[in-house]
Amino acid sequence: MNFHSIGYSLIFIAIAYIMGAFPTGYLLVRALKGEDLRKIGSGSTGATNVKRVLGSWAFFVVMFIDAVKGILPVVLAKYVEVKFNLFPHSHILPVLASVAVIIGHSKSLFLGFKGGKSVASGVGTIFGLYWPVGLITALLWSIITYSTKIVSISSIIAVLLTPLWMWLFKQPLSYVIYCLIGGLYITWLHRENIQRLIAGTENKVRK
């Protein structure tokens, strides 16, 4: 690996951050309602807060686009990793791209370094790293959300279990470590939700 390859890697990581930072929910609400999503509900720009303004259809649209924001940079990173022989044994570039995506989504430069809680984009990165774990995570999230009607509970449980699935499927150690750190980061982003869960005041997605 030479300095040119390192430079390309840094540029790619910056692109992954920008893709993650693309404020899907904020732009959709601004375009259709003319409102600032950061001043509504929880202040998050994620799909759950979008649902409060635009309804269920927007929830799924934003979730899908945010997930794609996570998948694409990671898949491209895996391609670049092979093409330029970057970190061939540790698989670091896809992990760095994943980190850049979830930080970009939660700390978007387009929104004054505010954003969402990186659940959909984070699960997207898991799909990009190893799709069976991404599928398990998405299904688990769906089942828990349907059962509890509380998105924050399903999000926290689903992401915290990702390192276990990666380990059971014998994926690279860097993937396991990313899932552990990413899961803890996303859980930390839900700290206000956790307080509401403890107080019994957390909102439900449906009656």
C-alpha atoms as a PDB file:
ATOM      1  CA  MET A   1       0.000   0.000   0.000  1.00  0.00           C
ATOM      2  CA  ASN A   2       1.439   3.389  -1.039  1.00  0.00           C
ATOM      3  CA  PHE A   3       0.703   7.013  -0.172  1.00  0.00           C
ATOM      4  CA  HIS A   4      -1.557   7.356  -3.202  1.00  0.00           C
ATOM      5  CA  SER A   5      -3.691   4.485  -1.925  1.00  0.00           C
ATOM      6  CA  ILE A   6      -3.865   6.072   1.522  1.00  0.00           C
ATOM      7  CA  GLY A   7      -4.964   9.318  -0.103  1.00  0.00           C
ATOM      8  CA  TYR A   8      -7.647   7.518  -2.086  1.00  0.00           C
ATOM      9  CA  SER A   9      -8.819   5.842   1.131  1.00  0.00           C
ATOM     10  CA  LEU A  10      -9.154   9.171   2.930  1.00  0.00           C
ATOM     11  CA  ILE A  11     -11.081  10.641   0.016  1.00  0.00           C
ATOM     12  CA  PHE A  12     -13.367   7.621  -0.026  1.00  0.00           C
ATOM     13  CA  ILE A  13     -14.018   7.898   3.718  1.00  0.00           C
ATOM     14  CA  ALA A  14     -14.916  11.567   3.246  1.00  0.00           C
ATOM     15  CA  ILE A  15     -17.356  10.589   0.485  1.00  0.00           C
ATOM     16  CA  ALA A  16     -18.896   7.944   2.788  1.00  0.00           C
ATOM     17  CA  TYR A  17     -19.384  10.617   5.451  1.00  0.00           C
ATOM     18  CA  ILE A  18     -21.071  12.972   2.970  1.00  0.00           C
ATOM     19  CA  MET A  19     -23.385  10.188   1.798  1.00  0.00           C
ATOM     20  CA  GLY A  20     -24.276   9.406   5.395  1.00  0.00           C
ATOM     21  CA  ALA A  21     -24.807  13.099   6.102  1.00  0.00           C
ATOM     22  CA  PHE A  22     -27.360  13.515   3.307  1.00  0.00           C
ATOM     23  CA  PRO A  23     -30.424  14.651   5.333  1.00  0.00           C
ATOM     24  CA  THR A  24     -33.180  12.568   3.756  1.00  0.00           C
ATOM     25  CA  GLY A  25     -35.898  13.123   6.367  1.00  0.00           C
ATOM     26  CA  TYR A  26     -35.140  16.794   6.841  1.00  0.00           C
ATOM     27  CA  LEU A  27     -35.288  17.516   3.095  1.00  0.00           C
ATOM     28  CA  LEU A  28     -38.503  15.532   2.615  1.00  0.00           C
ATOM     29  CA  VAL A  29     -40.330  17.389   5.400  1.00  0.00           C
ATOM     30  CA  ARG A  30     -38.937  20.736   4.255  1.00  0.00           C
ATOM     31  CA  ALA A  31     -40.058  20.057   0.675  1.00  0.00           C
ATOM     32  CA  LEU A  32     -43.572  18.824   1.499  1.00  0.00           C
ATOM     33  CA  LYS A  33     -44.417  20.803   4.639  1.00  0.00           C
ATOM     34  CA  GLY A  34     -41.964  23.689   4.659  1.00  0.00           C
ATOM     35  CA  GLU A  35     -41.068  22.858   8.287  1.00  0.00           C
ATOM     36  CA  ASP A  36     -37.772  22.275  10.078  1.00  0.00           C
ATOM     37  CA  LEU A  37     -37.811  18.692  11.323  1.00  0.00           C
ATOM     38  CA  ARG A  38     -35.223  19.565  13.980  1.00  0.00           C
ATOM     39  CA  LYS A  39     -37.878  21.679  15.709  1.00  0.00           C
ATOM     40  CA  ILE A  40     -40.574  18.988  15.683  1.00  0.00           C
ATOM     41  CA  GLY A  41     -41.098  16.103  18.099  1.00  0.00           C
ATOM     42  CA  SER A  42     -37.806  14.609  19.203  1.00  0.00           C
ATOM     43  CA  GLY A  43     -35.805  16.914  16.950  1.00  0.00           C
ATOM     44  CA  SER A  44     -34.290  13.908  15.191  1.00  0.00           C
ATOM     45  CA  THR A  45     -34.191  13.858  11.393  1.00  0.00           C
ATOM     46  CA  GLY A  46     -34.763  10.114  11.250  1.00  0.00           C
ATOM     47  CA  ALA A  47     -37.714   8.119   9.944  1.00  0.00           C
ATOM     48  CA  THR A  48     -39.609   7.943  13.246  1.00  0.00           C
ATOM     49  CA  ASN A  49     -39.787  11.709  13.598  1.00  0.00           C
ATOM     50  CA  VAL A  50     -40.663  12.076   9.916  1.00  0.00           C
ATOM     51  CA  LYS A  51     -43.655   9.796  10.536  1.00  0.00           C
ATOM     52  CA  ARG A  52     -45.040  12.335  13.034  1.00  0.00           C
ATOM     53  CA  VAL A  53     -45.236  14.915  10.253  1.00  0.00           C
ATOM     54  CA  LEU A  54     -45.910  13.000   7.044  1.00  0.00           C
ATOM     55  CA  GLY A  55     -47.261   9.623   8.081  1.00  0.00           C
ATOM     56  CA  SER A  56     -46.306   5.985   7.650  1.00  0.00           C
ATOM     57  CA  TRP A  57     -45.473   6.155   3.936  1.00  0.00           C
ATOM     58  CA  ALA A  58     -42.731   8.703   4.627  1.00  0.00           C
ATOM     59  CA  PHE A  59     -41.410   6.556   7.493  1.00  0.00           C
ATOM     60  CA  PHE A  60     -40.715   3.678   5.113  1.00  0.00           C
ATOM     61  CA  VAL A  61     -39.372   5.901   2.323  1.00  0.00           C
ATOM     62  CA  VAL A  62     -36.881   7.592   4.635  1.00  0.00           C
ATOM     63  CA  MET A  63     -35.884   4.274   6.228  1.00  0.00           C
ATOM     64  CA  PHE A  64     -35.219   2.760   2.821  1.00  0.00           C
ATOM     65  CA  ILE A  65     -33.170   5.687   1.519  1.00  0.00           C
ATOM     66  CA  ASP A  66     -31.186   5.946   4.753  1.00  0.00           C
ATOM     67  CA  ALA A  67     -30.445   2.215   4.604  1.00  0.00           C
ATOM     68  CA  VAL A  68     -29.219   2.573   1.022  1.00  0.00           C
ATOM     69  CA  LYS A  69     -26.997   5.430   2.227  1.00  0.00           C
ATOM     70  CA  GLY A  70     -25.349   2.867   4.468  1.00  0.00           C
ATOM     71  CA  ILE A  71     -25.144   0.009   1.983  1.00  0.00           C
ATOM     72  CA  LEU A  72     -23.606   1.797  -1.005  1.00  0.00           C
ATOM     73  CA  PRO A  73     -20.445   3.267   0.566  1.00  0.00           C
ATOM     74  CA  VAL A  74     -19.633  -0.026   2.284  1.00  0.00           C
ATOM     75  CA  VAL A  75     -20.091  -2.117  -0.864  1.00  0.00           C
ATOM     76  CA  LEU A  76     -17.951   0.364  -2.794  1.00  0.00           C
ATOM     77  CA  ALA A  77     -15.341   0.283  -0.027  1.00  0.00           C
ATOM     78  CA  LYS A  78     -15.124  -3.506  -0.313  1.00  0.00           C
ATOM     79  CA  TYR A  79     -14.579  -3.136  -4.059  1.00  0.00           C
ATOM     80  CA  VAL A  80     -11.893  -0.467  -3.599  1.00  0.00           C
ATOM     81  CA  GLU A  81     -10.249  -2.579  -0.885  1.00  0.00           C
ATOM     82  CA  VAL A  82      -9.796  -5.471  -3.322  1.00  0.00           C
ATOM     83  CA  LYS A  83      -8.885  -3.321  -6.332  1.00  0.00           C
ATOM     84  CA  PHE A  84      -6.115  -1.402  -4.546  1.00  0.00           C
ATOM     85  CA  ASN A  85      -5.167  -4.185  -2.112  1.00  0.00           C
ATOM     86  CA  LEU A  86      -5.916  -1.999   0.912  1.00  0.00           C
ATOM     87  CA  PHE A  87      -5.862  -3.696   4.333  1.00  0.00           C
ATOM     88  CA  PRO A  88      -6.518  -7.085   2.657  1.00  0.00           C
ATOM     89  CA  HIS A  89      -6.413  -9.104   5.878  1.00  0.00           C
ATOM     90  CA  SER A  90      -8.063  -6.741   8.359  1.00  0.00           C
ATOM     91  CA  HIS A  91     -10.832  -5.370   6.089  1.00  0.00           C
ATOM     92  CA  ILE A  92     -10.501  -1.933   7.647  1.00  0.00           C
ATOM     93  CA  LEU A  93     -11.698   0.234   4.730  1.00  0.00           C
ATOM     94  CA  PRO A  94     -15.326  -1.040   4.748  1.00  0.00           C
ATOM     95  CA  VAL A  95     -15.368  -0.566   8.523  1.00  0.00           C
ATOM     96  CA  LEU A  96     -14.034   2.994   8.264  1.00  0.00           C
ATOM     97  CA  ALA A  97     -16.675   3.702   5.615  1.00  0.00           C
ATOM     98  CA  SER A  98     -19.329   2.309   7.964  1.00  0.00           C
ATOM     99  CA  VAL A  99     -18.146   4.518  10.804  1.00  0.00           C
ATOM    100  CA  ALA A 100     -18.152   7.530   8.495  1.00  0.00           C
ATOM    101  CA  VAL A 101     -21.739   6.803   7.444  1.00  0.00           C
ATOM    102  CA  ILE A 102     -23.224   6.558  10.939  1.00  0.00           C
ATOM    103  CA  ILE A 103     -21.325   9.613  12.145  1.00  0.00           C
ATOM    104  CA  GLY A 104     -22.426  11.491   9.033  1.00  0.00           C
ATOM    105  CA  HIS A 105     -26.056  10.595   9.613  1.00  0.00           C
ATOM    106  CA  SER A 106     -26.047  11.593  13.288  1.00  0.00           C
ATOM    107  CA  LYS A 107     -23.719  14.596  12.890  1.00  0.00           C
ATOM    108  CA  SER A 108     -24.557  15.953   9.458  1.00  0.00           C
ATOM    109  CA  LEU A 109     -22.499  18.890   8.230  1.00  0.00           C
ATOM    110  CA  PHE A 110     -25.590  19.974   6.282  1.00  0.00           C
ATOM    111  CA  LEU A 111     -27.589  20.373   9.506  1.00  0.00           C
ATOM    112  CA  GLY A 112     -25.107  22.029  11.830  1.00  0.00           C
ATOM    113  CA  PHE A 113     -23.781  18.610  12.904  1.00  0.00           C
ATOM    114  CA  LYS A 114     -27.170  17.382  14.034  1.00  0.00           C
ATOM    115  CA  GLY A 115     -29.167  14.532  12.547  1.00  0.00           C
ATOM    116  CA  GLY A 116     -30.832  11.225  13.259  1.00  0.00           C
ATOM    117  CA  LYS A 117     -29.955   8.233  15.421  1.00  0.00           C
ATOM    118  CA  SER A 118     -28.262   6.268  12.622  1.00  0.00           C
ATOM    119  CA  VAL A 119     -30.396   3.128  12.958  1.00  0.00           C
ATOM    120  CA  ALA A 120     -31.450   2.682   9.324  1.00  0.00           C
ATOM    121  CA  SER A 121     -28.100   3.848   7.965  1.00  0.00           C
ATOM    122  CA  GLY A 122     -26.314   1.686  10.544  1.00  0.00           C
ATOM    123  CA  VAL A 123     -28.280  -1.401   9.560  1.00  0.00           C
ATOM    124  CA  GLY A 124     -27.493  -0.483   5.965  1.00  0.00           C
ATOM    125  CA  THR A 125     -23.777  -0.662   6.740  1.00  0.00           C
ATOM    126  CA  ILE A 126     -24.327  -4.116   8.262  1.00  0.00           C
ATOM    127  CA  PHE A 127     -26.004  -5.243   5.042  1.00  0.00           C
ATOM    128  CA  GLY A 128     -23.000  -3.914   3.149  1.00  0.00           C
ATOM    129  CA  LEU A 129     -20.511  -5.716   5.375  1.00  0.00           C
ATOM    130  CA  TYR A 130     -22.337  -9.064   5.487  1.00  0.00           C
ATOM    131  CA  TRP A 131     -25.898  -9.226   4.243  1.00  0.00           C
ATOM    132  CA  PRO A 132     -27.089 -12.257   6.320  1.00  0.00           C
ATOM    133  CA  VAL A 133     -26.410 -10.316   9.537  1.00  0.00           C
ATOM    134  CA  GLY A 134     -28.091  -7.273   8.019  1.00  0.00           C
ATOM    135  CA  LEU A 135     -31.144  -9.390   7.217  1.00  0.00           C
ATOM    136  CA  ILE A 136     -31.266 -10.906  10.711  1.00  0.00           C
ATOM    137  CA  THR A 137     -30.987  -7.429  12.232  1.00  0.00           C
ATOM    138  CA  ALA A 138     -33.746  -5.993  10.042  1.00  0.00           C
ATOM    139  CA  LEU A 139     -36.071  -8.927  10.768  1.00  0.00           C
ATOM    140  CA  LEU A 140     -35.403  -8.743  14.503  1.00  0.00           C
ATOM    141  CA  TRP A 141     -36.051  -4.999  14.454  1.00  0.00           C
ATOM    142  CA  SER A 142     -39.349  -5.573  12.615  1.00  0.00           C
ATOM    143  CA  ILE A 143     -40.525  -8.300  14.998  1.00  0.00           C
ATOM    144  CA  ILE A 144     -39.732  -6.333  18.144  1.00  0.00           C
ATOM    145  CA  THR A 145     -41.238  -3.141  16.726  1.00  0.00           C
ATOM    146  CA  TYR A 146     -44.430  -4.980  15.809  1.00  0.00           C
ATOM    147  CA  SER A 147     -44.611  -6.606  19.256  1.00  0.00           C
ATOM    148  CA  THR A 148     -43.766  -3.615  21.445  1.00  0.00           C
ATOM    149  CA  LYS A 149     -44.880  -0.793  19.117  1.00  0.00           C
ATOM    150  CA  ILE A 150     -41.811   1.111  20.325  1.00  0.00           C
ATOM    151  CA  VAL A 151     -39.088   1.800  17.750  1.00  0.00           C
ATOM    152  CA  SER A 152     -36.394   2.747  20.251  1.00  0.00           C
ATOM    153  CA  ILE A 153     -36.550  -0.630  22.030  1.00  0.00           C
ATOM    154  CA  SER A 154     -36.281  -2.604  18.803  1.00  0.00           C
ATOM    155  CA  SER A 155     -33.491  -0.358  17.522  1.00  0.00           C
ATOM    156  CA  ILE A 156     -31.371  -0.706  20.659  1.00  0.00           C
ATOM    157  CA  ILE A 157     -31.819  -4.476  20.956  1.00  0.00           C
ATOM    158  CA  ALA A 158     -31.259  -5.117  17.257  1.00  0.00           C
ATOM    159  CA  VAL A 159     -28.022  -3.130  16.975  1.00  0.00           C
ATOM    160  CA  LEU A 160     -26.567  -4.419  20.251  1.00  0.00           C
ATOM    161  CA  LEU A 161     -26.930  -8.003  19.007  1.00  0.00           C
ATOM    162  CA  THR A 162     -25.079  -7.386  15.711  1.00  0.00           C
ATOM    163  CA  PRO A 163     -21.583  -8.174  17.070  1.00  0.00           C
ATOM    164  CA  LEU A 164     -22.879 -11.531  18.307  1.00  0.00           C
ATOM    165  CA  TRP A 165     -24.233 -12.427  14.861  1.00  0.00           C
ATOM    166  CA  MET A 166     -21.003 -11.310  13.173  1.00  0.00           C
ATOM    167  CA  TRP A 167     -19.003 -13.474  15.568  1.00  0.00           C
ATOM    168  CA  LEU A 168     -21.273 -16.507  15.119  1.00  0.00           C
ATOM    169  CA  PHE A 169     -20.961 -16.187  11.332  1.00  0.00           C
ATOM    170  CA  LYS A 170     -17.159 -16.036  11.722  1.00  0.00           C
ATOM    171  CA  GLN A 171     -16.807 -12.640  10.077  1.00  0.00           C
ATOM    172  CA  PRO A 172     -13.588 -10.572  10.339  1.00  0.00           C
ATOM    173  CA  LEU A 173     -12.718  -9.266  13.782  1.00  0.00           C
ATOM    174  CA  SER A 174     -12.885  -5.707  12.443  1.00  0.00           C
ATOM    175  CA  TYR A 175     -16.574  -6.279  11.573  1.00  0.00           C
ATOM    176  CA  VAL A 176     -17.297  -7.590  15.079  1.00  0.00           C
ATOM    177  CA  ILE A 177     -15.549  -4.619  16.693  1.00  0.00           C
ATOM    178  CA  TYR A 178     -17.379  -2.153  14.430  1.00  0.00           C
ATOM    179  CA  CYS A 179     -20.737  -3.704  15.324  1.00  0.00           C
ATOM    180  CA  LEU A 180     -19.905  -3.500  19.028  1.00  0.00           C
ATOM    181  CA  ILE A 181     -18.758   0.127  18.927  1.00  0.00           C
ATOM    182  CA  GLY A 182     -21.472   1.129  16.449  1.00  0.00           C
ATOM    183  CA  GLY A 183     -24.153  -0.539  18.557  1.00  0.00           C
ATOM    184  CA  LEU A 184     -22.977   1.281  21.677  1.00  0.00           C
ATOM    185  CA  TYR A 185     -22.836   4.582  19.772  1.00  0.00           C
ATOM    186  CA  ILE A 186     -26.381   4.180  18.448  1.00  0.00           C
ATOM    187  CA  THR A 187     -27.555   3.218  21.937  1.00  0.00           C
ATOM    188  CA  TRP A 188     -25.916   6.382  23.295  1.00  0.00           C
ATOM    189  CA  LEU A 189     -27.779   8.403  20.650  1.00  0.00           C
ATOM    190  CA  HIS A 190     -30.971   6.923  22.144  1.00  0.00           C
ATOM    191  CA  ARG A 191     -30.156   8.083  25.685  1.00  0.00           C
ATOM    192  CA  GLU A 192     -33.198  10.394  25.840  1.00  0.00           C
ATOM    193  CA  ASN A 193     -35.401   7.554  24.586  1.00  0.00           C
ATOM    194  CA  ILE A 194     -33.987   5.320  27.307  1.00  0.00           C
ATOM    195  CA  GLN A 195     -34.914   7.924  29.927  1.00  0.00           C
ATOM    196  CA  ARG A 196     -38.458   8.021  28.546  1.00  0.00           C
ATOM    197  CA  LEU A 197     -38.621   4.228  28.500  1.00  0.00           C
ATOM    198  CA  ILE A 198     -37.671   4.140  32.174  1.00  0.00           C
ATOM    199  CA  ALA A 199     -40.284   6.812  32.909  1.00  0.00           C
ATOM    200  CA  GLY A 200     -42.907   4.990  30.832  1.00  0.00           C
ATOM    201  CA  THR A 201     -43.459   7.978  28.539  1.00  0.00           C
ATOM    202  CA  GLU A 202     -41.840   6.754  25.325  1.00  0.00           C
ATOM    203  CA  ASN A 203     -44.023   7.224  22.239  1.00  0.00           C
ATOM    204  CA  LYS A 204     -45.411   4.251  20.332  1.00  0.00           C
ATOM    205  CA  VAL A 205     -45.544   4.014  16.556  1.00  0.00           C
ATOM    206  CA  ARG A 206     -49.178   2.964  16.650  1.00  0.00           C
ATOM    207  CA  LYS A 207     -51.987   2.520  19.154  1.00  0.00           C
END
